mmCIF file of all heavy atoms, coordinates in Angstrom:
data_MODEL
# 
_entry.id   MODEL 
# 
loop_
_atom_site.group_PDB 
_atom_site.id 
_atom_site.type_symbol 
_atom_site.label_atom_id 
_atom_site.label_alt_id 
_atom_site.label_comp_id 
_atom_site.label_asym_id 
_atom_site.label_entity_id 
_atom_site.label_seq_id 
_atom_site.pdbx_PDB_ins_code 
_atom_site.Cartn_x 
_atom_site.Cartn_y 
_atom_site.Cartn_z 
_atom_site.occupancy 
_atom_site.B_iso_or_equiv 
_atom_site.pdbx_formal_charge 
_atom_site.auth_seq_id 
_atom_site.auth_comp_id 
_atom_site.auth_asym_id 
_atom_site.auth_atom_id 
_atom_site.pdbx_PDB_model_num 
ATOM 1   N N   . LYS A 1 1  ? -1.370  23.852 -22.127 1.00 0.00 ? 1  LYS A N   1 
ATOM 2   C CA  . LYS A 1 1  ? -0.099  24.155 -21.461 1.00 0.00 ? 1  LYS A CA  1 
ATOM 3   C C   . LYS A 1 1  ? -0.221  23.978 -19.954 1.00 0.00 ? 1  LYS A C   1 
ATOM 4   O O   . LYS A 1 1  ? 0.671   23.424 -19.302 1.00 0.00 ? 1  LYS A O   1 
ATOM 5   C CB  . LYS A 1 1  ? 0.330   25.589 -21.788 1.00 0.00 ? 1  LYS A CB  1 
ATOM 6   C CG  . LYS A 1 1  ? 1.677   25.977 -21.184 1.00 0.00 ? 1  LYS A CG  1 
ATOM 7   C CD  . LYS A 1 1  ? 2.066   27.390 -21.579 1.00 0.00 ? 1  LYS A CD  1 
ATOM 8   C CE  . LYS A 1 1  ? 3.415   27.769 -20.963 1.00 0.00 ? 1  LYS A CE  1 
ATOM 9   N NZ  . LYS A 1 1  ? 3.810   29.165 -21.314 1.00 0.00 ? 1  LYS A NZ  1 
ATOM 10  N N   . MET A 1 2  ? -1.328  24.434 -19.374 1.00 0.00 ? 2  MET A N   1 
ATOM 11  C CA  . MET A 1 2  ? -1.551  24.293 -17.939 1.00 0.00 ? 2  MET A CA  1 
ATOM 12  C C   . MET A 1 2  ? -1.618  22.823 -17.538 1.00 0.00 ? 2  MET A C   1 
ATOM 13  O O   . MET A 1 2  ? -1.080  22.413 -16.502 1.00 0.00 ? 2  MET A O   1 
ATOM 14  C CB  . MET A 1 2  ? -2.852  24.999 -17.546 1.00 0.00 ? 2  MET A CB  1 
ATOM 15  C CG  . MET A 1 2  ? -2.776  26.512 -17.613 1.00 0.00 ? 2  MET A CG  1 
ATOM 16  S SD  . MET A 1 2  ? -4.403  27.300 -17.424 1.00 0.00 ? 2  MET A SD  1 
ATOM 17  C CE  . MET A 1 2  ? -4.830  26.808 -15.747 1.00 0.00 ? 2  MET A CE  1 
ATOM 18  N N   . ALA A 1 3  ? -2.272  22.026 -18.375 1.00 0.00 ? 3  ALA A N   1 
ATOM 19  C CA  . ALA A 1 3  ? -2.362  20.588 -18.095 1.00 0.00 ? 3  ALA A CA  1 
ATOM 20  C C   . ALA A 1 3  ? -0.989  19.948 -18.140 1.00 0.00 ? 3  ALA A C   1 
ATOM 21  O O   . ALA A 1 3  ? -0.635  19.142 -17.265 1.00 0.00 ? 3  ALA A O   1 
ATOM 22  C CB  . ALA A 1 3  ? -3.298  19.927 -19.106 1.00 0.00 ? 3  ALA A CB  1 
ATOM 23  N N   . ASP A 1 4  ? -0.205  20.301 -19.136 1.00 0.00 ? 4  ASP A N   1 
ATOM 24  C CA  . ASP A 1 4  ? 1.145   19.737 -19.268 1.00 0.00 ? 4  ASP A CA  1 
ATOM 25  C C   . ASP A 1 4  ? 2.021   20.107 -18.072 1.00 0.00 ? 4  ASP A C   1 
ATOM 26  O O   . ASP A 1 4  ? 2.791   19.284 -17.570 1.00 0.00 ? 4  ASP A O   1 
ATOM 27  C CB  . ASP A 1 4  ? 1.803   20.225 -20.561 1.00 0.00 ? 4  ASP A CB  1 
ATOM 28  C CG  . ASP A 1 4  ? 1.125   19.664 -21.810 1.00 0.00 ? 4  ASP A CG  1 
ATOM 29  O OD1 . ASP A 1 4  ? 0.404   18.652 -21.688 1.00 0.00 ? 4  ASP A OD1 1 
ATOM 30  O OD2 . ASP A 1 4  ? 1.312   20.252 -22.894 1.00 0.00 ? 4  ASP A OD2 1 
ATOM 31  N N   . GLU A 1 5  ? 1.876   21.355 -17.618 1.00 0.00 ? 5  GLU A N   1 
ATOM 32  C CA  . GLU A 1 5  ? 2.708   21.832 -16.513 1.00 0.00 ? 5  GLU A CA  1 
ATOM 33  C C   . GLU A 1 5  ? 2.238   21.316 -15.150 1.00 0.00 ? 5  GLU A C   1 
ATOM 34  O O   . GLU A 1 5  ? 2.983   21.379 -14.175 1.00 0.00 ? 5  GLU A O   1 
ATOM 35  C CB  . GLU A 1 5  ? 2.720   23.367 -16.502 1.00 0.00 ? 5  GLU A CB  1 
ATOM 36  C CG  . GLU A 1 5  ? 3.448   23.977 -17.697 1.00 0.00 ? 5  GLU A CG  1 
ATOM 37  C CD  . GLU A 1 5  ? 3.379   25.490 -17.728 1.00 0.00 ? 5  GLU A CD  1 
ATOM 38  O OE1 . GLU A 1 5  ? 2.581   26.053 -16.927 1.00 0.00 ? 5  GLU A OE1 1 
ATOM 39  O OE2 . GLU A 1 5  ? 4.096   26.108 -18.540 1.00 0.00 ? 5  GLU A OE2 1 
ATOM 40  N N   . SER A 1 6  ? 1.007   20.787 -15.100 1.00 0.00 ? 6  SER A N   1 
ATOM 41  C CA  . SER A 1 6  ? 0.465   20.306 -13.821 1.00 0.00 ? 6  SER A CA  1 
ATOM 42  C C   . SER A 1 6  ? 1.067   18.981 -13.388 1.00 0.00 ? 6  SER A C   1 
ATOM 43  O O   . SER A 1 6  ? 0.981   18.599 -12.213 1.00 0.00 ? 6  SER A O   1 
ATOM 44  C CB  . SER A 1 6  ? -1.060  20.148 -13.932 1.00 0.00 ? 6  SER A CB  1 
ATOM 45  O OG  . SER A 1 6  ? -1.395  19.016 -14.726 1.00 0.00 ? 6  SER A OG  1 
ATOM 46  N N   . GLY A 1 7  ? 1.651   18.268 -14.336 1.00 0.00 ? 7  GLY A N   1 
ATOM 47  C CA  . GLY A 1 7  ? 2.207   16.964 -14.019 1.00 0.00 ? 7  GLY A CA  1 
ATOM 48  C C   . GLY A 1 7  ? 1.163   15.861 -14.042 1.00 0.00 ? 7  GLY A C   1 
ATOM 49  O O   . GLY A 1 7  ? 1.467   14.699 -13.763 1.00 0.00 ? 7  GLY A O   1 
ATOM 50  N N   . LYS A 1 8  ? -0.085  16.219 -14.377 1.00 0.00 ? 8  LYS A N   1 
ATOM 51  C CA  . LYS A 1 8  ? -1.168  15.245 -14.444 1.00 0.00 ? 8  LYS A CA  1 
ATOM 52  C C   . LYS A 1 8  ? -1.503  14.983 -15.910 1.00 0.00 ? 8  LYS A C   1 
ATOM 53  O O   . LYS A 1 8  ? -1.176  15.790 -16.787 1.00 0.00 ? 8  LYS A O   1 
ATOM 54  C CB  . LYS A 1 8  ? -2.409  15.774 -13.724 1.00 0.00 ? 8  LYS A CB  1 
ATOM 55  C CG  . LYS A 1 8  ? -2.180  16.137 -12.266 1.00 0.00 ? 8  LYS A CG  1 
ATOM 56  C CD  . LYS A 1 8  ? -3.439  16.770 -11.664 1.00 0.00 ? 8  LYS A CD  1 
ATOM 57  C CE  . LYS A 1 8  ? -3.200  17.168 -10.202 1.00 0.00 ? 8  LYS A CE  1 
ATOM 58  N NZ  . LYS A 1 8  ? -4.382  17.826 -9.612  1.00 0.00 ? 8  LYS A NZ  1 
ATOM 59  N N   . ASN A 1 9  ? -2.175  13.850 -16.140 1.00 0.00 ? 9  ASN A N   1 
ATOM 60  C CA  . ASN A 1 9  ? -2.654  13.675 -17.506 1.00 0.00 ? 9  ASN A CA  1 
ATOM 61  C C   . ASN A 1 9  ? -3.846  14.603 -17.726 1.00 0.00 ? 9  ASN A C   1 
ATOM 62  O O   . ASN A 1 9  ? -4.374  15.175 -16.781 1.00 0.00 ? 9  ASN A O   1 
ATOM 63  C CB  . ASN A 1 9  ? -2.989  12.205 -17.811 1.00 0.00 ? 9  ASN A CB  1 
ATOM 64  C CG  . ASN A 1 9  ? -4.193  11.683 -17.045 1.00 0.00 ? 9  ASN A CG  1 
ATOM 65  O OD1 . ASN A 1 9  ? -5.220  12.357 -16.920 1.00 0.00 ? 9  ASN A OD1 1 
ATOM 66  N ND2 . ASN A 1 9  ? -4.089  10.460 -16.530 1.00 0.00 ? 9  ASN A ND2 1 
ATOM 67  N N   . GLU A 1 10 ? -4.272  14.733 -18.966 1.00 0.00 ? 10 GLU A N   1 
ATOM 68  C CA  . GLU A 1 10 ? -5.291  15.730 -19.318 1.00 0.00 ? 10 GLU A CA  1 
ATOM 69  C C   . GLU A 1 10 ? -6.581  15.562 -18.529 1.00 0.00 ? 10 GLU A C   1 
ATOM 70  O O   . GLU A 1 10 ? -7.129  16.536 -17.994 1.00 0.00 ? 10 GLU A O   1 
ATOM 71  C CB  . GLU A 1 10 ? -5.572  15.656 -20.813 1.00 0.00 ? 10 GLU A CB  1 
ATOM 72  C CG  . GLU A 1 10 ? -6.457  16.765 -21.349 1.00 0.00 ? 10 GLU A CG  1 
ATOM 73  C CD  . GLU A 1 10 ? -6.533  16.750 -22.861 1.00 0.00 ? 10 GLU A CD  1 
ATOM 74  O OE1 . GLU A 1 10 ? -5.551  17.178 -23.501 1.00 0.00 ? 10 GLU A OE1 1 
ATOM 75  O OE2 . GLU A 1 10 ? -7.552  16.302 -23.407 1.00 0.00 ? 10 GLU A OE2 1 
ATOM 76  N N   . ASN A 1 11 ? -7.068  14.343 -18.442 1.00 0.00 ? 11 ASN A N   1 
ATOM 77  C CA  . ASN A 1 11 ? -8.323  14.106 -17.740 1.00 0.00 ? 11 ASN A CA  1 
ATOM 78  C C   . ASN A 1 11 ? -8.198  14.381 -16.244 1.00 0.00 ? 11 ASN A C   1 
ATOM 79  O O   . ASN A 1 11 ? -9.099  14.972 -15.637 1.00 0.00 ? 11 ASN A O   1 
ATOM 80  C CB  . ASN A 1 11 ? -8.811  12.681 -17.980 1.00 0.00 ? 11 ASN A CB  1 
ATOM 81  C CG  . ASN A 1 11 ? -9.190  12.439 -19.429 1.00 0.00 ? 11 ASN A CG  1 
ATOM 82  O OD1 . ASN A 1 11 ? -9.616  13.352 -20.131 1.00 0.00 ? 11 ASN A OD1 1 
ATOM 83  N ND2 . ASN A 1 11 ? -9.016  11.211 -19.883 1.00 0.00 ? 11 ASN A ND2 1 
ATOM 84  N N   . GLU A 1 12 ? -7.107  13.948 -15.643 1.00 0.00 ? 12 GLU A N   1 
ATOM 85  C CA  . GLU A 1 12 ? -6.882  14.206 -14.219 1.00 0.00 ? 12 GLU A CA  1 
ATOM 86  C C   . GLU A 1 12 ? -6.850  15.705 -13.946 1.00 0.00 ? 12 GLU A C   1 
ATOM 87  O O   . GLU A 1 12 ? -7.394  16.174 -12.935 1.00 0.00 ? 12 GLU A O   1 
ATOM 88  C CB  . GLU A 1 12 ? -5.574  13.565 -13.765 1.00 0.00 ? 12 GLU A CB  1 
ATOM 89  C CG  . GLU A 1 12 ? -5.596  12.056 -13.705 1.00 0.00 ? 12 GLU A CG  1 
ATOM 90  C CD  . GLU A 1 12 ? -4.234  11.463 -13.409 1.00 0.00 ? 12 GLU A CD  1 
ATOM 91  O OE1 . GLU A 1 12 ? -3.215  12.176 -13.609 1.00 0.00 ? 12 GLU A OE1 1 
ATOM 92  O OE2 . GLU A 1 12 ? -4.167  10.290 -12.985 1.00 0.00 ? 12 GLU A OE2 1 
ATOM 93  N N   . PHE A 1 13 ? -6.217  16.436 -14.846 1.00 0.00 ? 13 PHE A N   1 
ATOM 94  C CA  . PHE A 1 13 ? -6.146  17.887 -14.700 1.00 0.00 ? 13 PHE A CA  1 
ATOM 95  C C   . PHE A 1 13 ? -7.544  18.504 -14.746 1.00 0.00 ? 13 PHE A C   1 
ATOM 96  O O   . PHE A 1 13 ? -7.906  19.326 -13.900 1.00 0.00 ? 13 PHE A O   1 
ATOM 97  C CB  . PHE A 1 13 ? -5.275  18.487 -15.802 1.00 0.00 ? 13 PHE A CB  1 
ATOM 98  C CG  . PHE A 1 13 ? -5.324  19.992 -15.877 1.00 0.00 ? 13 PHE A CG  1 
ATOM 99  C CD1 . PHE A 1 13 ? -4.695  20.769 -14.923 1.00 0.00 ? 13 PHE A CD1 1 
ATOM 100 C CD2 . PHE A 1 13 ? -6.025  20.623 -16.902 1.00 0.00 ? 13 PHE A CD2 1 
ATOM 101 C CE1 . PHE A 1 13 ? -4.752  22.163 -14.977 1.00 0.00 ? 13 PHE A CE1 1 
ATOM 102 C CE2 . PHE A 1 13 ? -6.092  22.013 -16.967 1.00 0.00 ? 13 PHE A CE2 1 
ATOM 103 C CZ  . PHE A 1 13 ? -5.451  22.776 -16.006 1.00 0.00 ? 13 PHE A CZ  1 
ATOM 104 N N   . LEU A 1 14 ? -8.354  18.089 -15.714 1.00 0.00 ? 14 LEU A N   1 
ATOM 105 C CA  . LEU A 1 14 ? -9.703  18.632 -15.849 1.00 0.00 ? 14 LEU A CA  1 
ATOM 106 C C   . LEU A 1 14 ? -10.573 18.273 -14.646 1.00 0.00 ? 14 LEU A C   1 
ATOM 107 O O   . LEU A 1 14 ? -11.336 19.106 -14.153 1.00 0.00 ? 14 LEU A O   1 
ATOM 108 C CB  . LEU A 1 14 ? -10.346 18.130 -17.143 1.00 0.00 ? 14 LEU A CB  1 
ATOM 109 C CG  . LEU A 1 14 ? -9.702  18.616 -18.445 1.00 0.00 ? 14 LEU A CG  1 
ATOM 110 C CD1 . LEU A 1 14 ? -10.398 18.001 -19.654 1.00 0.00 ? 14 LEU A CD1 1 
ATOM 111 C CD2 . LEU A 1 14 ? -9.719  20.140 -18.546 1.00 0.00 ? 14 LEU A CD2 1 
ATOM 112 N N   . PHE A 1 15 ? -10.445 17.054 -14.165 1.00 0.00 ? 15 PHE A N   1 
ATOM 113 C CA  . PHE A 1 15 ? -11.223 16.651 -12.990 1.00 0.00 ? 15 PHE A CA  1 
ATOM 114 C C   . PHE A 1 15 ? -10.821 17.458 -11.761 1.00 0.00 ? 15 PHE A C   1 
ATOM 115 O O   . PHE A 1 15 ? -11.666 17.828 -10.944 1.00 0.00 ? 15 PHE A O   1 
ATOM 116 C CB  . PHE A 1 15 ? -11.034 15.163 -12.713 1.00 0.00 ? 15 PHE A CB  1 
ATOM 117 C CG  . PHE A 1 15 ? -11.623 14.260 -13.767 1.00 0.00 ? 15 PHE A CG  1 
ATOM 118 C CD1 . PHE A 1 15 ? -11.183 12.958 -13.900 1.00 0.00 ? 15 PHE A CD1 1 
ATOM 119 C CD2 . PHE A 1 15 ? -12.609 14.719 -14.639 1.00 0.00 ? 15 PHE A CD2 1 
ATOM 120 C CE1 . PHE A 1 15 ? -11.725 12.124 -14.869 1.00 0.00 ? 15 PHE A CE1 1 
ATOM 121 C CE2 . PHE A 1 15 ? -13.149 13.901 -15.611 1.00 0.00 ? 15 PHE A CE2 1 
ATOM 122 C CZ  . PHE A 1 15 ? -12.702 12.590 -15.736 1.00 0.00 ? 15 PHE A CZ  1 
ATOM 123 N N   . SER A 1 16 ? -9.522  17.746 -11.645 1.00 0.00 ? 16 SER A N   1 
ATOM 124 C CA  . SER A 1 16 ? -9.066  18.539 -10.495 1.00 0.00 ? 16 SER A CA  1 
ATOM 125 C C   . SER A 1 16 ? -9.584  19.967 -10.587 1.00 0.00 ? 16 SER A C   1 
ATOM 126 O O   . SER A 1 16 ? -9.932  20.571 -9.569  1.00 0.00 ? 16 SER A O   1 
ATOM 127 C CB  . SER A 1 16 ? -7.536  18.539 -10.418 1.00 0.00 ? 16 SER A CB  1 
ATOM 128 O OG  . SER A 1 16 ? -6.944  19.235 -11.502 1.00 0.00 ? 16 SER A OG  1 
ATOM 129 N N   . VAL A 1 17 ? -9.663  20.519 -11.790 1.00 0.00 ? 17 VAL A N   1 
ATOM 130 C CA  . VAL A 1 17 ? -10.211 21.862 -11.992 1.00 0.00 ? 17 VAL A CA  1 
ATOM 131 C C   . VAL A 1 17 ? -11.673 21.893 -11.569 1.00 0.00 ? 17 VAL A C   1 
ATOM 132 O O   . VAL A 1 17 ? -12.116 22.799 -10.850 1.00 0.00 ? 17 VAL A O   1 
ATOM 133 C CB  . VAL A 1 17 ? -10.075 22.304 -13.471 1.00 0.00 ? 17 VAL A CB  1 
ATOM 134 C CG1 . VAL A 1 17 ? -10.879 23.567 -13.732 1.00 0.00 ? 17 VAL A CG1 1 
ATOM 135 C CG2 . VAL A 1 17 ? -8.611  22.539 -13.818 1.00 0.00 ? 17 VAL A CG2 1 
ATOM 136 N N   . LEU A 1 18 ? -12.437 20.892 -11.998 1.00 0.00 ? 18 LEU A N   1 
ATOM 137 C CA  . LEU A 1 18 ? -13.855 20.825 -11.644 1.00 0.00 ? 18 LEU A CA  1 
ATOM 138 C C   . LEU A 1 18 ? -14.046 20.653 -10.136 1.00 0.00 ? 18 LEU A C   1 
ATOM 139 O O   . LEU A 1 18 ? -14.960 21.242 -9.548  1.00 0.00 ? 18 LEU A O   1 
ATOM 140 C CB  . LEU A 1 18 ? -14.531 19.675 -12.390 1.00 0.00 ? 18 LEU A CB  1 
ATOM 141 C CG  . LEU A 1 18 ? -14.759 19.878 -13.890 1.00 0.00 ? 18 LEU A CG  1 
ATOM 142 C CD1 . LEU A 1 18 ? -15.358 18.625 -14.509 1.00 0.00 ? 18 LEU A CD1 1 
ATOM 143 C CD2 . LEU A 1 18 ? -15.647 21.078 -14.146 1.00 0.00 ? 18 LEU A CD2 1 
ATOM 144 N N   . GLU A 1 19 ? -13.179 19.870 -9.521  1.00 0.00 ? 19 GLU A N   1 
ATOM 145 C CA  . GLU A 1 19 ? -13.300 19.663 -8.069  1.00 0.00 ? 19 GLU A CA  1 
ATOM 146 C C   . GLU A 1 19 ? -13.007 20.955 -7.313  1.00 0.00 ? 19 GLU A C   1 
ATOM 147 O O   . GLU A 1 19 ? -13.696 21.275 -6.333  1.00 0.00 ? 19 GLU A O   1 
ATOM 148 C CB  . GLU A 1 19 ? -12.342 18.563 -7.612  1.00 0.00 ? 19 GLU A CB  1 
ATOM 149 C CG  . GLU A 1 19 ? -12.501 18.204 -6.139  1.00 0.00 ? 19 GLU A CG  1 
ATOM 150 C CD  . GLU A 1 19 ? -11.678 17.006 -5.730  1.00 0.00 ? 19 GLU A CD  1 
ATOM 151 O OE1 . GLU A 1 19 ? -10.936 16.457 -6.584  1.00 0.00 ? 19 GLU A OE1 1 
ATOM 152 O OE2 . GLU A 1 19 ? -11.751 16.614 -4.550  1.00 0.00 ? 19 GLU A OE2 1 
ATOM 153 N N   . ILE A 1 20 ? -12.033 21.718 -7.775  1.00 0.00 ? 20 ILE A N   1 
ATOM 154 C CA  . ILE A 1 20 ? -11.709 22.998 -7.142  1.00 0.00 ? 20 ILE A CA  1 
ATOM 155 C C   . ILE A 1 20 ? -12.882 23.967 -7.283  1.00 0.00 ? 20 ILE A C   1 
ATOM 156 O O   . ILE A 1 20 ? -13.248 24.671 -6.338  1.00 0.00 ? 20 ILE A O   1 
ATOM 157 C CB  . ILE A 1 20 ? -10.434 23.602 -7.770  1.00 0.00 ? 20 ILE A CB  1 
ATOM 158 C CG1 . ILE A 1 20 ? -9.204  22.766 -7.375  1.00 0.00 ? 20 ILE A CG1 1 
ATOM 159 C CG2 . ILE A 1 20 ? -10.247 25.052 -7.329  1.00 0.00 ? 20 ILE A CG2 1 
ATOM 160 C CD1 . ILE A 1 20 ? -7.942  23.146 -8.118  1.00 0.00 ? 20 ILE A CD1 1 
ATOM 161 N N   . ILE A 1 21 ? -13.478 23.998 -8.468  1.00 0.00 ? 21 ILE A N   1 
ATOM 162 C CA  . ILE A 1 21 ? -14.569 24.938 -8.739  1.00 0.00 ? 21 ILE A CA  1 
ATOM 163 C C   . ILE A 1 21 ? -15.827 24.585 -7.949  1.00 0.00 ? 21 ILE A C   1 
ATOM 164 O O   . ILE A 1 21 ? -16.508 25.470 -7.415  1.00 0.00 ? 21 ILE A O   1 
ATOM 165 C CB  . ILE A 1 21 ? -14.895 24.964 -10.243 1.00 0.00 ? 21 ILE A CB  1 
ATOM 166 C CG1 . ILE A 1 21 ? -13.730 25.587 -11.029 1.00 0.00 ? 21 ILE A CG1 1 
ATOM 167 C CG2 . ILE A 1 21 ? -16.174 25.754 -10.510 1.00 0.00 ? 21 ILE A CG2 1 
ATOM 168 C CD1 . ILE A 1 21 ? -13.889 25.483 -12.531 1.00 0.00 ? 21 ILE A CD1 1 
ATOM 169 N N   . THR A 1 22 ? -16.136 23.305 -7.866  1.00 0.00 ? 22 THR A N   1 
ATOM 170 C CA  . THR A 1 22 ? -17.430 22.881 -7.309  1.00 0.00 ? 22 THR A CA  1 
ATOM 171 C C   . THR A 1 22 ? -17.342 22.278 -5.906  1.00 0.00 ? 22 THR A C   1 
ATOM 172 O O   . THR A 1 22 ? -18.383 22.019 -5.285  1.00 0.00 ? 22 THR A O   1 
ATOM 173 C CB  . THR A 1 22 ? -18.084 21.841 -8.230  1.00 0.00 ? 22 THR A CB  1 
ATOM 174 O OG1 . THR A 1 22 ? -17.266 20.649 -8.255  1.00 0.00 ? 22 THR A OG1 1 
ATOM 175 C CG2 . THR A 1 22 ? -18.231 22.383 -9.636  1.00 0.00 ? 22 THR A CG2 1 
ATOM 176 N N   . ASN A 1 23 ? -16.113 22.020 -5.441  1.00 0.00 ? 23 ASN A N   1 
ATOM 177 C CA  . ASN A 1 23 ? -15.935 21.324 -4.157  1.00 0.00 ? 23 ASN A CA  1 
ATOM 178 C C   . ASN A 1 23 ? -16.580 19.945 -4.174  1.00 0.00 ? 23 ASN A C   1 
ATOM 179 O O   . ASN A 1 23 ? -16.999 19.428 -3.132  1.00 0.00 ? 23 ASN A O   1 
ATOM 180 C CB  . ASN A 1 23 ? -16.512 22.150 -2.990  1.00 0.00 ? 23 ASN A CB  1 
ATOM 181 C CG  . ASN A 1 23 ? -15.714 23.413 -2.735  1.00 0.00 ? 23 ASN A CG  1 
ATOM 182 O OD1 . ASN A 1 23 ? -14.482 23.390 -2.726  1.00 0.00 ? 23 ASN A OD1 1 
ATOM 183 N ND2 . ASN A 1 23 ? -16.417 24.518 -2.556  1.00 0.00 ? 23 ASN A ND2 1 
ATOM 184 N N   . LYS A 1 24 ? -16.658 19.374 -5.351  1.00 0.00 ? 24 LYS A N   1 
ATOM 185 C CA  . LYS A 1 24 ? -17.231 18.044 -5.499  1.00 0.00 ? 24 LYS A CA  1 
ATOM 186 C C   . LYS A 1 24 ? -16.418 17.274 -6.536  1.00 0.00 ? 24 LYS A C   1 
ATOM 187 O O   . LYS A 1 24 ? -16.181 17.749 -7.644  1.00 0.00 ? 24 LYS A O   1 
ATOM 188 C CB  . LYS A 1 24 ? -18.691 18.159 -5.960  1.00 0.00 ? 24 LYS A CB  1 
ATOM 189 C CG  . LYS A 1 24 ? -19.378 16.827 -6.182  1.00 0.00 ? 24 LYS A CG  1 
ATOM 190 C CD  . LYS A 1 24 ? -20.796 17.044 -6.694  1.00 0.00 ? 24 LYS A CD  1 
ATOM 191 C CE  . LYS A 1 24 ? -21.467 15.715 -7.020  1.00 0.00 ? 24 LYS A CE  1 
ATOM 192 N NZ  . LYS A 1 24 ? -22.828 15.904 -7.592  1.00 0.00 ? 24 LYS A NZ  1 
ATOM 193 N N   . LYS A 1 25 ? -15.984 16.078 -6.151  1.00 0.00 ? 25 LYS A N   1 
ATOM 194 C CA  . LYS A 1 25 ? -15.165 15.271 -7.042  1.00 0.00 ? 25 LYS A CA  1 
ATOM 195 C C   . LYS A 1 25 ? -16.026 14.650 -8.134  1.00 0.00 ? 25 LYS A C   1 
ATOM 196 O O   . LYS A 1 25 ? -17.060 14.028 -7.836  1.00 0.00 ? 25 LYS A O   1 
ATOM 197 C CB  . LYS A 1 25 ? -14.457 14.172 -6.251  1.00 0.00 ? 25 LYS A CB  1 
ATOM 198 C CG  . LYS A 1 25 ? -13.401 13.422 -7.042  1.00 0.00 ? 25 LYS A CG  1 
ATOM 199 C CD  . LYS A 1 25 ? -12.619 12.489 -6.131  1.00 0.00 ? 25 LYS A CD  1 
ATOM 200 C CE  . LYS A 1 25 ? -11.506 11.788 -6.900  1.00 0.00 ? 25 LYS A CE  1 
ATOM 201 N NZ  . LYS A 1 25 ? -10.702 10.915 -6.011  1.00 0.00 ? 25 LYS A NZ  1 
ATOM 202 N N   . PRO A 1 26 ? -15.645 14.796 -9.404  1.00 0.00 ? 26 PRO A N   1 
ATOM 203 C CA  . PRO A 1 26 ? -16.419 14.186 -10.487 1.00 0.00 ? 26 PRO A CA  1 
ATOM 204 C C   . PRO A 1 26 ? -16.455 12.666 -10.361 1.00 0.00 ? 26 PRO A C   1 
ATOM 205 O O   . PRO A 1 26 ? -15.445 12.044 -10.026 1.00 0.00 ? 26 PRO A O   1 
ATOM 206 C CB  . PRO A 1 26 ? -15.661 14.610 -11.751 1.00 0.00 ? 26 PRO A CB  1 
ATOM 207 C CG  . PRO A 1 26 ? -14.918 15.842 -11.343 1.00 0.00 ? 26 PRO A CG  1 
ATOM 208 C CD  . PRO A 1 26 ? -14.535 15.615 -9.916  1.00 0.00 ? 26 PRO A CD  1 
# 
């Protein structure tokens, strides 16, 4: 649901989550 509401596709959403958590872009 969070991915759908983000306006991004699933992978883009997950990569953005990881970048926020780690301060490093996958």
